[in-house]
């Protein structure tokens, strides 16, 4: 059997060859990332498996810190606003990672394929992010999936089979309880995700905890407890983070309209908007927007780092969490 080092060597070569600025590949759900900077980034995740092939990343979600490095994996089961930075990444030694979108429709059928005893019984109140060792079997399947990019004629048939294998490895491993929640329509995570979806779609609107709890099918106290367990934030903190990250996206195009952008994302007070924006991003809105535009322009002109993407959303760069 091949070693961890051999699998990582292959993954590094494949990712370096196929990674694009927008993360996407010709295989549906497979994402590849090549990042040559350690600058902080602020992003909205989606449910994903990430396998790191080179380098590492440190994430902050609420008051929780997660770190994963080459040979390790990250599992995310909800849409979350996270802060992070790649550790020691440079244009010459970029962080390289692969991601696989975790889709309920792909996970649910696997829950019927083994006795309930195979699954982790701890499914309530699980956080939406976890890290751990990838292991040889998962690395083997990940390498075979990425390898299909060199064999497009085979990908349409074999990629879904390898995706199923990867999901099975996750479901029967230490993170099985987290994956099981994605596949179960009536899980606590599914209920919390309804509220998360409402907040993301209506972040500028006033929010009532009682209405979100009703949407999630829980009492207000149970909803607050489950929401914090999943996101490491209260619903109000979550909404504030979404508002500020959406404001940052808007300010790149409208750097001279700070008050207008603040109002668009739900702030009636310009001073409160500027104060909370500076607390999160480390600079006032106008100054931060100017810096981001300058960084995006210089990155777009450089060929050293392949992560530049003018259409990549809020921060000019698309990255795996």
C-alpha atoms as a PDB file:
ATOM      1  CA  UNK A   1       0.000   0.000   0.000  1.00  0.00           C
ATOM      2  CA  UNK A   2       1.175   3.512  -0.760  1.00  0.00           C
ATOM      3  CA  UNK A   3       2.149   5.820   2.071  1.00  0.00           C
ATOM      4  CA  UNK A   4       0.588   9.104   3.170  1.00  0.00           C
ATOM      5  CA  UNK A   5       3.566  10.952   1.702  1.00  0.00           C
ATOM      6  CA  UNK A   6       3.081   9.313  -1.693  1.00  0.00           C
ATOM      7  CA  UNK A   7      -0.624  10.178  -1.816  1.00  0.00           C
ATOM      8  CA  UNK A   8       0.122  13.778  -0.821  1.00  0.00           C
ATOM      9  CA  UNK A   9       2.838  14.048  -3.478  1.00  0.00           C
ATOM     10  CA  UNK A  10       0.356  12.968  -6.130  1.00  0.00           C
ATOM     11  CA  UNK A  11      -2.362  15.285  -4.853  1.00  0.00           C
ATOM     12  CA  UNK A  12       0.035  18.226  -4.813  1.00  0.00           C
ATOM     13  CA  UNK A  13       0.967  17.673  -8.436  1.00  0.00           C
ATOM     14  CA  UNK A  14      -2.629  17.233  -9.568  1.00  0.00           C
ATOM     15  CA  UNK A  15      -3.918  20.274  -7.687  1.00  0.00           C
ATOM     16  CA  UNK A  16      -1.070  22.475  -8.930  1.00  0.00           C
ATOM     17  CA  UNK A  17      -1.856  21.391 -12.490  1.00  0.00           C
ATOM     18  CA  UNK A  18      -5.633  21.788 -12.378  1.00  0.00           C
ATOM     19  CA  UNK A  19      -6.482  24.487  -9.788  1.00  0.00           C
ATOM     20  CA  UNK A  20      -8.295  27.506 -11.222  1.00  0.00           C
ATOM     21  CA  UNK A  21      -9.104  30.900  -9.775  1.00  0.00           C
ATOM     22  CA  UNK A  22     -12.790  30.092  -9.192  1.00  0.00           C
ATOM     23  CA  UNK A  23     -12.053  26.718  -7.487  1.00  0.00           C
ATOM     24  CA  UNK A  24     -14.312  24.807  -9.858  1.00  0.00           C
ATOM     25  CA  UNK A  25     -13.335  21.805 -11.958  1.00  0.00           C
ATOM     26  CA  UNK A  26     -14.981  19.818 -14.710  1.00  0.00           C
ATOM     27  CA  UNK A  27     -16.166  17.300 -12.085  1.00  0.00           C
ATOM     28  CA  UNK A  28     -19.354  18.487 -10.399  1.00  0.00           C
ATOM     29  CA  UNK A  29     -18.783  19.193  -6.716  1.00  0.00           C
ATOM     30  CA  UNK A  30     -14.984  18.864  -6.846  1.00  0.00           C
ATOM     31  CA  UNK A  31     -13.088  22.053  -5.938  1.00  0.00           C
ATOM     32  CA  UNK A  32      -9.342  22.690  -6.053  1.00  0.00           C
ATOM     33  CA  UNK A  33      -7.501  25.524  -4.326  1.00  0.00           C
ATOM     34  CA  UNK A  34      -4.016  26.991  -4.774  1.00  0.00           C
ATOM     35  CA  UNK A  35      -3.304  29.982  -2.510  1.00  0.00           C
ATOM     36  CA  UNK A  36       0.053  31.765  -2.283  1.00  0.00           C
ATOM     37  CA  UNK A  37      -0.653  34.252   0.514  1.00  0.00           C
ATOM     38  CA  UNK A  38      -1.091  34.103   4.275  1.00  0.00           C
ATOM     39  CA  UNK A  39      -3.254  37.231   4.432  1.00  0.00           C
ATOM     40  CA  UNK A  40      -6.434  36.899   6.529  1.00  0.00           C
ATOM     41  CA  UNK A  41      -9.622  36.124   4.640  1.00  0.00           C
ATOM     42  CA  UNK A  42     -13.292  36.327   5.545  1.00  0.00           C
ATOM     43  CA  UNK A  43     -15.612  33.940   3.751  1.00  0.00           C
ATOM     44  CA  UNK A  44     -18.962  32.231   3.786  1.00  0.00           C
ATOM     45  CA  UNK A  45     -18.565  28.473   3.736  1.00  0.00           C
ATOM     46  CA  UNK A  46     -20.870  25.779   2.430  1.00  0.00           C
ATOM     47  CA  UNK A  47     -21.036  22.114   3.522  1.00  0.00           C
ATOM     48  CA  UNK A  48     -17.678  20.741   2.381  1.00  0.00           C
ATOM     49  CA  UNK A  49     -14.993  18.168   2.901  1.00  0.00           C
ATOM     50  CA  UNK A  50     -11.535  19.715   2.473  1.00  0.00           C
ATOM     51  CA  UNK A  51      -8.367  17.623   2.248  1.00  0.00           C
ATOM     52  CA  UNK A  52      -5.157  19.629   2.624  1.00  0.00           C
ATOM     53  CA  UNK A  53      -2.303  18.434   0.415  1.00  0.00           C
ATOM     54  CA  UNK A  54       0.261  21.140   1.189  1.00  0.00           C
ATOM     55  CA  UNK A  55       0.459  23.847   3.832  1.00  0.00           C
ATOM     56  CA  UNK A  56      -2.236  24.445   6.399  1.00  0.00           C
ATOM     57  CA  UNK A  57      -5.008  26.762   7.501  1.00  0.00           C
ATOM     58  CA  UNK A  58      -6.280  28.192  10.774  1.00  0.00           C
ATOM     59  CA  UNK A  59      -9.982  29.077  11.036  1.00  0.00           C
ATOM     60  CA  UNK A  60     -11.915  31.101  13.591  1.00  0.00           C
ATOM     61  CA  UNK A  61     -15.639  30.487  14.015  1.00  0.00           C
ATOM     62  CA  UNK A  62     -17.077  32.540  16.843  1.00  0.00           C
ATOM     63  CA  UNK A  63     -14.734  31.803  19.751  1.00  0.00           C
ATOM     64  CA  UNK A  64     -13.560  28.442  18.369  1.00  0.00           C
ATOM     65  CA  UNK A  65     -10.252  27.926  16.561  1.00  0.00           C
ATOM     66  CA  UNK A  66      -9.686  25.085  14.095  1.00  0.00           C
ATOM     67  CA  UNK A  67      -6.411  24.178  12.391  1.00  0.00           C
ATOM     68  CA  UNK A  68      -5.616  21.573   9.776  1.00  0.00           C
ATOM     69  CA  UNK A  69      -2.477  20.788   7.784  1.00  0.00           C
ATOM     70  CA  UNK A  70      -1.229  18.518   5.004  1.00  0.00           C
ATOM     71  CA  UNK A  71      -2.638  15.009   5.423  1.00  0.00           C
ATOM     72  CA  UNK A  72      -5.564  16.267   7.496  1.00  0.00           C
ATOM     73  CA  UNK A  73      -9.137  17.113   6.589  1.00  0.00           C
ATOM     74  CA  UNK A  74     -11.773  19.669   7.457  1.00  0.00           C
ATOM     75  CA  UNK A  75     -15.489  18.860   7.543  1.00  0.00           C
ATOM     76  CA  UNK A  76     -18.048  21.691   7.359  1.00  0.00           C
ATOM     77  CA  UNK A  77     -21.770  20.892   7.595  1.00  0.00           C
ATOM     78  CA  UNK A  78     -23.460  24.323   7.405  1.00  0.00           C
ATOM     79  CA  UNK A  79     -23.229  27.714   5.701  1.00  0.00           C
ATOM     80  CA  UNK A  80     -21.016  29.694   8.066  1.00  0.00           C
ATOM     81  CA  UNK A  81     -19.136  33.023   8.134  1.00  0.00           C
ATOM     82  CA  UNK A  82     -15.535  32.191   9.052  1.00  0.00           C
ATOM     83  CA  UNK A  83     -12.277  34.065   9.429  1.00  0.00           C
ATOM     84  CA  UNK A  84      -9.052  32.305   8.487  1.00  0.00           C
ATOM     85  CA  UNK A  85      -5.584  32.424   7.045  1.00  0.00           C
ATOM     86  CA  UNK A  86      -3.343  29.941   5.293  1.00  0.00           C
ATOM     87  CA  UNK A  87      -0.271  29.145   7.365  1.00  0.00           C
ATOM     88  CA  UNK A  88       3.043  30.057   5.769  1.00  0.00           C
ATOM     89  CA  UNK A  89       1.655  30.174   2.217  1.00  0.00           C
ATOM     90  CA  UNK A  90       3.775  31.997  -0.380  1.00  0.00           C
ATOM     91  CA  UNK A  91       3.711  32.067  -4.197  1.00  0.00           C
ATOM     92  CA  UNK A  92       6.614  29.575  -4.221  1.00  0.00           C
ATOM     93  CA  UNK A  93       5.094  27.284  -1.564  1.00  0.00           C
ATOM     94  CA  UNK A  94       1.328  27.738  -1.884  1.00  0.00           C
ATOM     95  CA  UNK A  95      -1.288  25.963   0.185  1.00  0.00           C
ATOM     96  CA  UNK A  96      -2.895  23.241  -1.942  1.00  0.00           C
ATOM     97  CA  UNK A  97      -6.198  21.636  -1.112  1.00  0.00           C
ATOM     98  CA  UNK A  98      -9.125  19.762  -2.618  1.00  0.00           C
ATOM     99  CA  UNK A  99     -12.744  20.181  -1.623  1.00  0.00           C
ATOM    100  CA  UNK A 100     -15.841  18.065  -2.148  1.00  0.00           C
ATOM    101  CA  UNK A 101     -19.282  19.612  -1.736  1.00  0.00           C
ATOM    102  CA  UNK A 102     -21.328  17.623   0.805  1.00  0.00           C
ATOM    103  CA  UNK A 103     -24.790  17.211  -0.717  1.00  0.00           C
ATOM    104  CA  UNK A 104     -27.741  15.806   1.267  1.00  0.00           C
ATOM    105  CA  UNK A 105     -29.032  13.965  -1.806  1.00  0.00           C
ATOM    106  CA  UNK A 106     -25.742  12.031  -2.053  1.00  0.00           C
ATOM    107  CA  UNK A 107     -25.492  11.293   1.670  1.00  0.00           C
ATOM    108  CA  UNK A 108     -29.070  10.237   2.442  1.00  0.00           C
ATOM    109  CA  UNK A 109     -29.065   6.969   0.411  1.00  0.00           C
ATOM    110  CA  UNK A 110     -25.912   5.797   2.219  1.00  0.00           C
ATOM    111  CA  UNK A 111     -27.699   5.979   5.564  1.00  0.00           C
ATOM    112  CA  UNK A 112     -29.793   3.006   4.441  1.00  0.00           C
ATOM    113  CA  UNK A 113     -26.802   0.857   3.515  1.00  0.00           C
ATOM    114  CA  UNK A 114     -25.676  -0.194   6.993  1.00  0.00           C
ATOM    115  CA  UNK A 115     -27.254  -0.990  10.364  1.00  0.00           C
ATOM    116  CA  UNK A 116     -27.893   1.968  12.640  1.00  0.00           C
ATOM    117  CA  UNK A 117     -25.175   0.638  14.944  1.00  0.00           C
ATOM    118  CA  UNK A 118     -22.562   1.699  12.375  1.00  0.00           C
ATOM    119  CA  UNK A 119     -23.394   5.367  12.829  1.00  0.00           C
ATOM    120  CA  UNK A 120     -22.310   7.627  15.619  1.00  0.00           C
ATOM    121  CA  UNK A 121     -25.180   7.946  18.074  1.00  0.00           C
ATOM    122  CA  UNK A 122     -24.151  11.471  19.052  1.00  0.00           C
ATOM    123  CA  UNK A 123     -25.994  13.616  16.506  1.00  0.00           C
ATOM    124  CA  UNK A 124     -27.532  16.378  18.589  1.00  0.00           C
ATOM    125  CA  UNK A 125     -25.726  19.614  19.289  1.00  0.00           C
ATOM    126  CA  UNK A 126     -22.695  18.803  17.149  1.00  0.00           C
ATOM    127  CA  UNK A 127     -20.607  21.752  15.910  1.00  0.00           C
ATOM    128  CA  UNK A 128     -20.682  22.403  12.179  1.00  0.00           C
ATOM    129  CA  UNK A 129     -16.884  22.273  11.796  1.00  0.00           C
ATOM    130  CA  UNK A 130     -14.400  19.535  12.712  1.00  0.00           C
ATOM    131  CA  UNK A 131     -10.858  18.583  11.736  1.00  0.00           C
ATOM    132  CA  UNK A 132      -8.868  15.358  11.882  1.00  0.00           C
ATOM    133  CA  UNK A 133      -6.495  13.015  10.105  1.00  0.00           C
ATOM    134  CA  UNK A 134      -7.570  12.142   6.582  1.00  0.00           C
ATOM    135  CA  UNK A 135      -6.222   8.573   6.721  1.00  0.00           C
ATOM    136  CA  UNK A 136      -4.900   6.416   3.903  1.00  0.00           C
ATOM    137  CA  UNK A 137      -8.286   5.226   2.612  1.00  0.00           C
ATOM    138  CA  UNK A 138      -9.662   8.755   2.286  1.00  0.00           C
ATOM    139  CA  UNK A 139      -6.433  10.034   0.707  1.00  0.00           C
ATOM    140  CA  UNK A 140      -6.524   7.152  -1.774  1.00  0.00           C
ATOM    141  CA  UNK A 141     -10.091   7.956  -2.826  1.00  0.00           C
ATOM    142  CA  UNK A 142      -9.351  11.705  -2.988  1.00  0.00           C
ATOM    143  CA  UNK A 143      -6.332  11.105  -5.245  1.00  0.00           C
ATOM    144  CA  UNK A 144      -8.358   8.868  -7.550  1.00  0.00           C
ATOM    145  CA  UNK A 145     -11.111  11.495  -7.826  1.00  0.00           C
ATOM    146  CA  UNK A 146      -8.725  14.323  -8.699  1.00  0.00           C
ATOM    147  CA  UNK A 147      -6.838  11.988 -11.069  1.00  0.00           C
ATOM    148  CA  UNK A 148     -10.013  11.744 -13.172  1.00  0.00           C
ATOM    149  CA  UNK A 149      -9.427  15.334 -14.305  1.00  0.00           C
ATOM    150  CA  UNK A 150      -6.751  13.846 -16.563  1.00  0.00           C
ATOM    151  CA  UNK A 151      -9.278  11.298 -17.884  1.00  0.00           C
ATOM    152  CA  UNK A 152     -12.447  13.261 -18.700  1.00  0.00           C
ATOM    153  CA  UNK A 153     -13.963  10.402 -20.714  1.00  0.00           C
ATOM    154  CA  UNK A 154     -14.045   8.279 -17.537  1.00  0.00           C
ATOM    155  CA  UNK A 155     -15.119  11.004 -15.105  1.00  0.00           C
ATOM    156  CA  UNK A 156     -18.868  10.955 -15.798  1.00  0.00           C
ATOM    157  CA  UNK A 157     -19.055   7.275 -14.813  1.00  0.00           C
ATOM    158  CA  UNK A 158     -16.372   6.940 -12.150  1.00  0.00           C
ATOM    159  CA  UNK A 159     -16.579  10.286 -10.317  1.00  0.00           C
ATOM    160  CA  UNK A 160     -19.998   9.577  -8.721  1.00  0.00           C
ATOM    161  CA  UNK A 161     -18.717   6.180  -7.558  1.00  0.00           C
ATOM    162  CA  UNK A 162     -15.628   7.691  -5.940  1.00  0.00           C
ATOM    163  CA  UNK A 163     -17.705  10.474  -4.367  1.00  0.00           C
ATOM    164  CA  UNK A 164     -19.927   7.780  -2.858  1.00  0.00           C
ATOM    165  CA  UNK A 165     -16.833   5.999  -1.511  1.00  0.00           C
ATOM    166  CA  UNK A 166     -15.513   9.216   0.047  1.00  0.00           C
ATOM    167  CA  UNK A 167     -18.848   9.907   1.721  1.00  0.00           C
ATOM    168  CA  UNK A 168     -18.945   6.334   3.028  1.00  0.00           C
ATOM    169  CA  UNK A 169     -15.463   6.731   4.519  1.00  0.00           C
ATOM    170  CA  UNK A 170     -16.625   9.884   6.281  1.00  0.00           C
ATOM    171  CA  UNK A 171     -19.891   8.382   7.487  1.00  0.00           C
ATOM    172  CA  UNK A 172     -18.178   5.360   9.000  1.00  0.00           C
ATOM    173  CA  UNK A 173     -15.347   7.411  10.505  1.00  0.00           C
ATOM    174  CA  UNK A 174     -14.990   9.817  13.440  1.00  0.00           C
ATOM    175  CA  UNK A 175     -17.099  12.501  11.724  1.00  0.00           C
ATOM    176  CA  UNK A 176     -19.982  10.165  10.868  1.00  0.00           C
ATOM    177  CA  UNK A 177     -22.398  11.890  13.226  1.00  0.00           C
ATOM    178  CA  UNK A 178     -21.859  15.213  11.476  1.00  0.00           C
ATOM    179  CA  UNK A 179     -22.387  13.725   8.012  1.00  0.00           C
ATOM    180  CA  UNK A 180     -25.467  11.852   9.168  1.00  0.00           C
ATOM    181  CA  UNK A 181     -27.101  15.126  10.171  1.00  0.00           C
ATOM    182  CA  UNK A 182     -26.690  16.442   6.617  1.00  0.00           C
ATOM    183  CA  UNK A 183     -28.489  13.422   5.205  1.00  0.00           C
ATOM    184  CA  UNK A 184     -31.379  13.404   7.680  1.00  0.00           C
ATOM    185  CA  UNK A 185     -34.187  15.803   6.783  1.00  0.00           C
ATOM    186  CA  UNK A 186     -35.388  15.973  10.404  1.00  0.00           C
ATOM    187  CA  UNK A 187     -32.017  16.344  12.137  1.00  0.00           C
ATOM    188  CA  UNK A 188     -31.213  19.228  14.461  1.00  0.00           C
ATOM    189  CA  UNK A 189     -28.732  20.534  11.888  1.00  0.00           C
ATOM    190  CA  UNK A 190     -31.415  20.550   9.181  1.00  0.00           C
ATOM    191  CA  UNK A 191     -33.680  22.625  11.438  1.00  0.00           C
ATOM    192  CA  UNK A 192     -30.904  25.095  12.282  1.00  0.00           C
ATOM    193  CA  UNK A 193     -29.977  25.310   8.584  1.00  0.00           C
ATOM    194  CA  UNK A 194     -33.492  26.564   7.822  1.00  0.00           C
ATOM    195  CA  UNK A 195     -32.857  29.502  10.144  1.00  0.00           C
ATOM    196  CA  UNK A 196     -29.370  30.040   8.699  1.00  0.00           C
ATOM    197  CA  UNK A 197     -30.876  30.145   5.213  1.00  0.00           C
ATOM    198  CA  UNK A 198     -33.424  32.755   6.312  1.00  0.00           C
ATOM    199  CA  UNK A 199     -30.744  34.942   7.906  1.00  0.00           C
ATOM    200  CA  UNK A 200     -28.519  34.750   4.811  1.00  0.00           C
ATOM    201  CA  UNK A 201     -31.426  35.659   2.540  1.00  0.00           C
ATOM    202  CA  UNK A 202     -32.826  38.418   4.781  1.00  0.00           C
ATOM    203  CA  UNK A 203     -29.765  39.697   6.634  1.00  0.00           C
ATOM    204  CA  UNK A 204     -30.800  43.355   6.290  1.00  0.00           C
ATOM    205  CA  UNK A 205     -34.197  42.757   7.908  1.00  0.00           C
ATOM    206  CA  UNK A 206     -35.022  42.938  11.630  1.00  0.00           C
ATOM    207  CA  UNK A 207     -34.776  39.490  13.201  1.00  0.00           C
ATOM    208  CA  UNK A 208     -37.053  37.981  15.835  1.00  0.00           C
ATOM    209  CA  UNK A 209     -35.769  34.921  17.654  1.00  0.00           C
ATOM    210  CA  UNK A 210     -39.313  33.646  18.189  1.00  0.00           C
ATOM    211  CA  UNK A 211     -39.962  33.607  14.450  1.00  0.00           C
ATOM    212  CA  UNK A 212     -36.653  31.871  13.687  1.00  0.00           C
ATOM    213  CA  UNK A 213     -37.380  29.286  16.384  1.00  0.00           C
ATOM    214  CA  UNK A 214     -40.779  28.645  14.818  1.00  0.00           C
ATOM    215  CA  UNK A 215     -39.136  28.223  11.411  1.00  0.00           C
ATOM    216  CA  UNK A 216     -36.748  25.690  12.949  1.00  0.00           C
ATOM    217  CA  UNK A 217     -39.572  23.878  14.736  1.00  0.00           C
ATOM    218  CA  UNK A 218     -38.084  24.488  18.188  1.00  0.00           C
ATOM    219  CA  UNK A 219     -38.803  26.459  21.315  1.00  0.00           C
ATOM    220  CA  UNK A 220     -36.834  29.734  21.536  1.00  0.00           C
ATOM    221  CA  UNK A 221     -34.561  28.348  24.261  1.00  0.00           C
ATOM    222  CA  UNK A 222     -33.891  25.077  22.405  1.00  0.00           C
ATOM    223  CA  UNK A 223     -33.319  26.945  19.145  1.00  0.00           C
ATOM    224  CA  UNK A 224     -30.820  29.323  20.756  1.00  0.00           C
ATOM    225  CA  UNK A 225     -28.950  26.375  22.287  1.00  0.00           C
ATOM    226  CA  UNK A 226     -28.826  24.372  19.047  1.00  0.00           C
ATOM    227  CA  UNK A 227     -27.872  27.414  16.958  1.00  0.00           C
ATOM    228  CA  UNK A 228     -24.937  28.273  19.187  1.00  0.00           C
ATOM    229  CA  UNK A 229     -23.794  24.635  19.257  1.00  0.00           C
ATOM    230  CA  UNK A 230     -23.705  24.519  15.449  1.00  0.00           C
ATOM    231  CA  UNK A 231     -22.336  27.992  14.661  1.00  0.00           C
ATOM    232  CA  UNK A 232     -20.455  29.001  17.869  1.00  0.00           C
ATOM    233  CA  UNK A 233     -22.447  32.257  17.697  1.00  0.00           C
ATOM    234  CA  UNK A 234     -25.805  33.564  18.811  1.00  0.00           C
ATOM    235  CA  UNK A 235     -28.309  34.276  16.003  1.00  0.00           C
ATOM    236  CA  UNK A 236     -27.716  38.031  16.446  1.00  0.00           C
ATOM    237  CA  UNK A 237     -23.932  37.620  16.239  1.00  0.00           C
ATOM    238  CA  UNK A 238     -24.376  35.452  13.143  1.00  0.00           C
ATOM    239  CA  UNK A 239     -26.574  38.081  11.474  1.00  0.00           C
ATOM    240  CA  UNK A 240     -24.061  40.824  12.285  1.00  0.00           C
ATOM    241  CA  UNK A 241     -21.214  38.815  10.735  1.00  0.00           C
ATOM    242  CA  UNK A 242     -23.249  38.191   7.565  1.00  0.00           C
ATOM    243  CA  UNK A 243     -24.160  41.888   7.338  1.00  0.00           C
ATOM    244  CA  UNK A 244     -20.565  43.027   7.671  1.00  0.00           C
ATOM    245  CA  UNK A 245     -19.194  40.513   5.172  1.00  0.00           C
ATOM    246  CA  UNK A 246     -21.901  41.463   2.665  1.00  0.00           C
ATOM    247  CA  UNK A 247     -21.035  45.123   3.259  1.00  0.00           C
ATOM    248  CA  UNK A 248     -17.391  44.384   2.496  1.00  0.00           C
ATOM    249  CA  UNK A 249     -18.439  42.848  -0.819  1.00  0.00           C
ATOM    250  CA  UNK A 250     -20.517  45.899  -1.726  1.00  0.00           C
ATOM    251  CA  UNK A 251     -17.825  48.372  -0.715  1.00  0.00           C
ATOM    252  CA  UNK A 252     -15.372  47.018  -3.278  1.00  0.00           C
ATOM    253  CA  UNK A 253     -17.675  48.406  -5.976  1.00  0.00           C
ATOM    254  CA  UNK A 254     -18.901  51.410  -3.945  1.00  0.00           C
ATOM    255  CA  UNK A 255     -15.978  52.608  -1.761  1.00  0.00           C
ATOM    256  CA  UNK A 256     -17.248  56.203  -1.623  1.00  0.00           C
ATOM    257  CA  UNK A 257     -20.734  55.325  -0.338  1.00  0.00           C
ATOM    258  CA  UNK A 258     -20.045  53.972   3.142  1.00  0.00           C
ATOM    259  CA  UNK A 259     -23.302  55.252   4.666  1.00  0.00           C
ATOM    260  CA  UNK A 260     -25.361  53.917   1.762  1.00  0.00           C
ATOM    261  CA  UNK A 261     -23.774  50.472   1.969  1.00  0.00           C
ATOM    262  CA  UNK A 262     -24.304  50.381   5.721  1.00  0.00           C
ATOM    263  CA  UNK A 263     -27.986  51.165   5.225  1.00  0.00           C
ATOM    264  CA  UNK A 264     -28.335  48.498   2.527  1.00  0.00           C
ATOM    265  CA  UNK A 265     -27.100  45.775   4.879  1.00  0.00           C
ATOM    266  CA  UNK A 266     -29.367  46.852   7.731  1.00  0.00           C
ATOM    267  CA  UNK A 267     -27.544  49.574   9.700  1.00  0.00           C
ATOM    268  CA  UNK A 268     -29.555  52.728  10.459  1.00  0.00           C
ATOM    269  CA  UNK A 269     -26.599  54.347  12.215  1.00  0.00           C
ATOM    270  CA  UNK A 270     -23.496  55.089  10.046  1.00  0.00           C
ATOM    271  CA  UNK A 271     -21.344  55.439  13.154  1.00  0.00           C
ATOM    272  CA  UNK A 272     -22.421  52.038  14.481  1.00  0.00           C
ATOM    273  CA  UNK A 273     -21.741  50.490  11.069  1.00  0.00           C
ATOM    274  CA  UNK A 274     -18.248  51.993  10.883  1.00  0.00           C
ATOM    275  CA  UNK A 275     -17.466  51.004  14.459  1.00  0.00           C
ATOM    276  CA  UNK A 276     -18.528  47.364  14.059  1.00  0.00           C
ATOM    277  CA  UNK A 277     -16.911  47.097  10.618  1.00  0.00           C
ATOM    278  CA  UNK A 278     -13.585  48.324  12.001  1.00  0.00           C
ATOM    279  CA  UNK A 279     -13.823  45.933  14.945  1.00  0.00           C
ATOM    280  CA  UNK A 280     -14.181  42.939  12.593  1.00  0.00           C
ATOM    281  CA  UNK A 281     -11.890  43.914   9.700  1.00  0.00           C
ATOM    282  CA  UNK A 282      -9.337  46.102  11.471  1.00  0.00           C
ATOM    283  CA  UNK A 283      -9.888  49.279   9.427  1.00  0.00           C
ATOM    284  CA  UNK A 284     -12.721  51.754   8.693  1.00  0.00           C
ATOM    285  CA  UNK A 285     -14.981  50.775   5.763  1.00  0.00           C
ATOM    286  CA  UNK A 286     -13.637  53.255   3.197  1.00  0.00           C
ATOM    287  CA  UNK A 287      -9.990  52.571   4.037  1.00  0.00           C
ATOM    288  CA  UNK A 288     -10.496  48.814   3.989  1.00  0.00           C
ATOM    289  CA  UNK A 289     -12.320  48.947   0.638  1.00  0.00           C
ATOM    290  CA  UNK A 290      -9.511  50.988  -0.930  1.00  0.00           C
ATOM    291  CA  UNK A 291      -6.924  48.516   0.327  1.00  0.00           C
ATOM    292  CA  UNK A 292      -8.902  45.550  -1.008  1.00  0.00           C
ATOM    293  CA  UNK A 293      -9.283  47.158  -4.430  1.00  0.00           C
ATOM    294  CA  UNK A 294      -5.552  47.878  -4.595  1.00  0.00           C
ATOM    295  CA  UNK A 295      -4.742  44.309  -3.542  1.00  0.00           C
ATOM    296  CA  UNK A 296      -7.153  42.840  -6.097  1.00  0.00           C
ATOM    297  CA  UNK A 297      -5.670  45.015  -8.863  1.00  0.00           C
ATOM    298  CA  UNK A 298      -2.076  44.068  -8.049  1.00  0.00           C
ATOM    299  CA  UNK A 299      -2.982  40.396  -7.732  1.00  0.00           C
ATOM    300  CA  UNK A 300      -4.795  40.416 -11.058  1.00  0.00           C
ATOM    301  CA  UNK A 301      -1.662  41.813 -12.718  1.00  0.00           C
ATOM    302  CA  UNK A 302       0.597  39.161 -11.205  1.00  0.00           C
ATOM    303  CA  UNK A 303       1.207  35.724 -12.654  1.00  0.00           C
ATOM    304  CA  UNK A 304       2.981  34.420  -9.567  1.00  0.00           C
ATOM    305  CA  UNK A 305      -0.219  33.540  -7.705  1.00  0.00           C
ATOM    306  CA  UNK A 306      -2.975  31.792  -9.619  1.00  0.00           C
ATOM    307  CA  UNK A 307      -5.726  32.655  -7.115  1.00  0.00           C
ATOM    308  CA  UNK A 308      -6.712  36.002  -8.679  1.00  0.00           C
ATOM    309  CA  UNK A 309     -10.329  36.034  -9.824  1.00  0.00           C
ATOM    310  CA  UNK A 310     -12.082  39.331 -10.673  1.00  0.00           C
ATOM    311  CA  UNK A 311     -15.499  37.660 -10.395  1.00  0.00           C
ATOM    312  CA  UNK A 312     -14.770  35.774  -7.224  1.00  0.00           C
ATOM    313  CA  UNK A 313     -17.110  37.696  -4.949  1.00  0.00           C
ATOM    314  CA  UNK A 314     -16.476  39.827  -1.879  1.00  0.00           C
ATOM    315  CA  UNK A 315     -12.728  39.621  -1.580  1.00  0.00           C
ATOM    316  CA  UNK A 316     -11.387  39.144  -5.117  1.00  0.00           C
ATOM    317  CA  UNK A 317     -10.119  35.651  -4.248  1.00  0.00           C
ATOM    318  CA  UNK A 318     -12.014  32.391  -3.906  1.00  0.00           C
ATOM    319  CA  UNK A 319     -10.613  30.032  -1.279  1.00  0.00           C
ATOM    320  CA  UNK A 320     -11.533  26.828   0.457  1.00  0.00           C
ATOM    321  CA  UNK A 321     -12.341  27.332   4.149  1.00  0.00           C
END
